[in-house]
C-alpha atoms as a PDB file:
ATOM      1  CA  UNK A   1     -64.634-108.996 101.482  1.00  0.00           C
ATOM      2  CA  UNK A   2     -64.213-105.945 103.655  1.00  0.00           C
ATOM      3  CA  UNK A   3     -65.793-102.681 102.626  1.00  0.00           C
ATOM      4  CA  UNK A   4     -64.769 -99.145 103.508  1.00  0.00           C
ATOM      5  CA  UNK A   5     -67.259 -98.053 106.183  1.00  0.00           C
ATOM      6  CA  UNK A   6     -67.749 -94.662 104.520  1.00  0.00           C
ATOM      7  CA  UNK A   7     -69.615 -96.405 101.692  1.00  0.00           C
ATOM      8  CA  UNK A   8     -72.740 -96.868 103.800  1.00  0.00           C
ATOM      9  CA  UNK A   9     -73.581 -93.200 103.134  1.00  0.00           C
ATOM     10  CA  UNK A  10     -73.627 -93.649  99.327  1.00  0.00           C
ATOM     11  CA  UNK A  11     -77.062 -93.008  97.825  1.00  0.00           C
ATOM     12  CA  UNK A  12     -78.382 -96.088  96.013  1.00  0.00           C
ATOM     13  CA  UNK A  13     -78.887 -94.096  92.780  1.00  0.00           C
ATOM     14  CA  UNK A  14     -75.417 -92.497  92.632  1.00  0.00           C
ATOM     15  CA  UNK A  15     -72.889 -93.957  90.183  1.00  0.00           C
ATOM     16  CA  UNK A  16     -70.046 -95.709  91.982  1.00  0.00           C
ATOM     17  CA  UNK A  17     -66.498 -96.770  91.225  1.00  0.00           C
ATOM     18  CA  UNK A  18     -65.206 -99.714  93.211  1.00  0.00           C
ATOM     19  CA  UNK A  19     -61.541-100.448  93.839  1.00  0.00           C
ATOM     20  CA  UNK A  20     -60.921-104.000  95.062  1.00  0.00           C
ATOM     21  CA  UNK A  21     -57.450-105.041  96.202  1.00  0.00           C
ATOM     22  CA  UNK A  22     -56.418-108.653  96.535  1.00  0.00           C
ATOM     23  CA  UNK A  23     -53.237-110.637  96.995  1.00  0.00           C
ATOM     24  CA  UNK A  24     -52.732-114.192  95.791  1.00  0.00           C
ATOM     25  CA  UNK A  25     -51.593-116.740  98.343  1.00  0.00           C
ATOM     26  CA  UNK A  26     -48.086-118.072  97.655  1.00  0.00           C
ATOM     27  CA  UNK A  27     -48.208-120.529  94.761  1.00  0.00           C
ATOM     28  CA  UNK A  28     -51.755-119.489  93.780  1.00  0.00           C
ATOM     29  CA  UNK A  29     -50.839-116.590  91.474  1.00  0.00           C
ATOM     30  CA  UNK A  30     -51.899-118.365  88.256  1.00  0.00           C
ATOM     31  CA  UNK A  31     -55.192-119.539  89.744  1.00  0.00           C
ATOM     32  CA  UNK A  32     -56.005-115.987  90.872  1.00  0.00           C
ATOM     33  CA  UNK A  33     -55.128-114.687  87.397  1.00  0.00           C
ATOM     34  CA  UNK A  34     -57.462-117.217  85.776  1.00  0.00           C
ATOM     35  CA  UNK A  35     -60.258-116.422  88.194  1.00  0.00           C
ATOM     36  CA  UNK A  36     -59.859-112.644  87.773  1.00  0.00           C
ATOM     37  CA  UNK A  37     -60.017-112.933  83.998  1.00  0.00           C
ATOM     38  CA  UNK A  38     -62.944-115.372  84.123  1.00  0.00           C
ATOM     39  CA  UNK A  39     -65.020-112.788  86.006  1.00  0.00           C
ATOM     40  CA  UNK A  40     -64.715-110.110  83.317  1.00  0.00           C
ATOM     41  CA  UNK A  41     -67.263-111.319  80.731  1.00  0.00           C
ATOM     42  CA  UNK A  42     -70.086-112.294  83.115  1.00  0.00           C
ATOM     43  CA  UNK A  43     -69.619-109.138  85.157  1.00  0.00           C
ATOM     44  CA  UNK A  44     -69.695-106.884  82.084  1.00  0.00           C
ATOM     45  CA  UNK A  45     -72.956-108.594  81.093  1.00  0.00           C
ATOM     46  CA  UNK A  46     -74.626-107.595  84.366  1.00  0.00           C
ATOM     47  CA  UNK A  47     -77.170-104.766  84.334  1.00  0.00           C
ATOM     48  CA  UNK A  48     -75.556-101.535  85.460  1.00  0.00           C
ATOM     49  CA  UNK A  49     -71.941-102.568  84.910  1.00  0.00           C
ATOM     50  CA  UNK A  50     -70.125 -99.820  82.999  1.00  0.00           C
ATOM     51  CA  UNK A  51     -66.655-101.366  83.255  1.00  0.00           C
ATOM     52  CA  UNK A  52     -64.774-104.108  85.061  1.00  0.00           C
ATOM     53  CA  UNK A  53     -60.986-104.092  84.690  1.00  0.00           C
ATOM     54  CA  UNK A  54     -58.500-106.306  86.517  1.00  0.00           C
ATOM     55  CA  UNK A  55     -54.905-105.089  86.873  1.00  0.00           C
ATOM     56  CA  UNK A  56     -51.889-106.980  88.185  1.00  0.00           C
ATOM     57  CA  UNK A  57     -49.002-105.149  89.825  1.00  0.00           C
ATOM     58  CA  UNK A  58     -45.915-105.754  87.629  1.00  0.00           C
ATOM     59  CA  UNK A  59     -43.587-105.062  90.561  1.00  0.00           C
ATOM     60  CA  UNK A  60     -45.414-107.359  92.981  1.00  0.00           C
ATOM     61  CA  UNK A  61     -46.831-110.315  90.991  1.00  0.00           C
ATOM     62  CA  UNK A  62     -49.928-111.767  92.566  1.00  0.00           C
ATOM     63  CA  UNK A  63     -51.143-108.358  93.782  1.00  0.00           C
ATOM     64  CA  UNK A  64     -54.286-107.285  91.959  1.00  0.00           C
ATOM     65  CA  UNK A  65     -56.478-104.219  91.708  1.00  0.00           C
ATOM     66  CA  UNK A  66     -59.935-104.594  90.200  1.00  0.00           C
ATOM     67  CA  UNK A  67     -61.528-101.330  89.044  1.00  0.00           C
ATOM     68  CA  UNK A  68     -65.287-101.507  88.606  1.00  0.00           C
ATOM     69  CA  UNK A  69     -67.736 -98.825  87.505  1.00  0.00           C
ATOM     70  CA  UNK A  70     -71.455 -99.194  88.155  1.00  0.00           C
ATOM     71  CA  UNK A  71     -74.432 -97.017  87.231  1.00  0.00           C
ATOM     72  CA  UNK A  72     -75.535 -97.031  90.860  1.00  0.00           C
ATOM     73  CA  UNK A  73     -75.043 -98.686  94.219  1.00  0.00           C
ATOM     74  CA  UNK A  74     -77.990-101.020  93.632  1.00  0.00           C
ATOM     75  CA  UNK A  75     -76.320-102.478  90.531  1.00  0.00           C
ATOM     76  CA  UNK A  76     -73.124-103.036  92.489  1.00  0.00           C
ATOM     77  CA  UNK A  77     -75.042-104.675  95.343  1.00  0.00           C
ATOM     78  CA  UNK A  78     -76.721-107.014  92.827  1.00  0.00           C
ATOM     79  CA  UNK A  79     -73.250-107.901  91.493  1.00  0.00           C
ATOM     80  CA  UNK A  80     -72.191-108.921  94.997  1.00  0.00           C
ATOM     81  CA  UNK A  81     -74.999-111.522  94.927  1.00  0.00           C
ATOM     82  CA  UNK A  82     -74.239-112.845  91.422  1.00  0.00           C
ATOM     83  CA  UNK A  83     -73.474-116.568  91.070  1.00  0.00           C
ATOM     84  CA  UNK A  84     -70.088-115.997  89.392  1.00  0.00           C
ATOM     85  CA  UNK A  85     -68.887-113.661  92.145  1.00  0.00           C
ATOM     86  CA  UNK A  86     -70.260-115.975  94.844  1.00  0.00           C
ATOM     87  CA  UNK A  87     -68.212-118.832  93.369  1.00  0.00           C
ATOM     88  CA  UNK A  88     -65.093-116.649  93.274  1.00  0.00           C
ATOM     89  CA  UNK A  89     -65.618-115.525  96.851  1.00  0.00           C
ATOM     90  CA  UNK A  90     -66.073-119.131  97.986  1.00  0.00           C
ATOM     91  CA  UNK A  91     -62.673-119.968  96.455  1.00  0.00           C
ATOM     92  CA  UNK A  92     -61.074-116.902  98.045  1.00  0.00           C
ATOM     93  CA  UNK A  93     -59.812-118.452 101.294  1.00  0.00           C
ATOM     94  CA  UNK A  94     -57.854-121.064  99.337  1.00  0.00           C
ATOM     95  CA  UNK A  95     -56.503-118.664  96.707  1.00  0.00           C
ATOM     96  CA  UNK A  96     -55.951-115.378  98.514  1.00  0.00           C
ATOM     97  CA  UNK A  97     -53.598-114.156 101.201  1.00  0.00           C
ATOM     98  CA  UNK A  98     -56.357-112.523 103.248  1.00  0.00           C
ATOM     99  CA  UNK A  99     -59.757-111.158 102.308  1.00  0.00           C
ATOM    100  CA  UNK A 100     -60.138-108.686  99.431  1.00  0.00           C
ATOM    101  CA  UNK A 101     -60.152-105.030 100.474  1.00  0.00           C
ATOM    102  CA  UNK A 102     -62.779-102.884  98.794  1.00  0.00           C
ATOM    103  CA  UNK A 103     -63.365 -99.156  98.580  1.00  0.00           C
ATOM    104  CA  UNK A 104     -66.485 -97.640  97.009  1.00  0.00           C
ATOM    105  CA  UNK A 105     -66.021 -94.162  95.564  1.00  0.00           C
ATOM    106  CA  UNK A 106     -68.316 -91.529  94.046  1.00  0.00           C
ATOM    107  CA  UNK A 107     -67.279 -88.957  91.493  1.00  0.00           C
ATOM    108  CA  UNK A 108     -66.913 -85.408  92.720  1.00  0.00           C
ATOM    109  CA  UNK A 109     -67.560 -82.550  90.348  1.00  0.00           C
END
């Protein structure tokens, strides 16, 4: 997973919103759908997870946006080490057309 380099300046105690973009490899659209939906419940159960919502582009099937909200950067970093995400990331090269792209944002105002 690649991360926007500007995220390194985010304070560990600041709430963050994460936008992850991924594209299913040809013929793997259903497997990516199943995996994306399977991550919802265990991710929502993680400490610090405020929301975790997968969206599929209706115009470009197989293109996904995952919108995540975390109480702080530390909670998000712990999520990156969770067993369910590690399993999904291990399957990524087979299922995805390139690595997921991730942007970490902080609320302004």
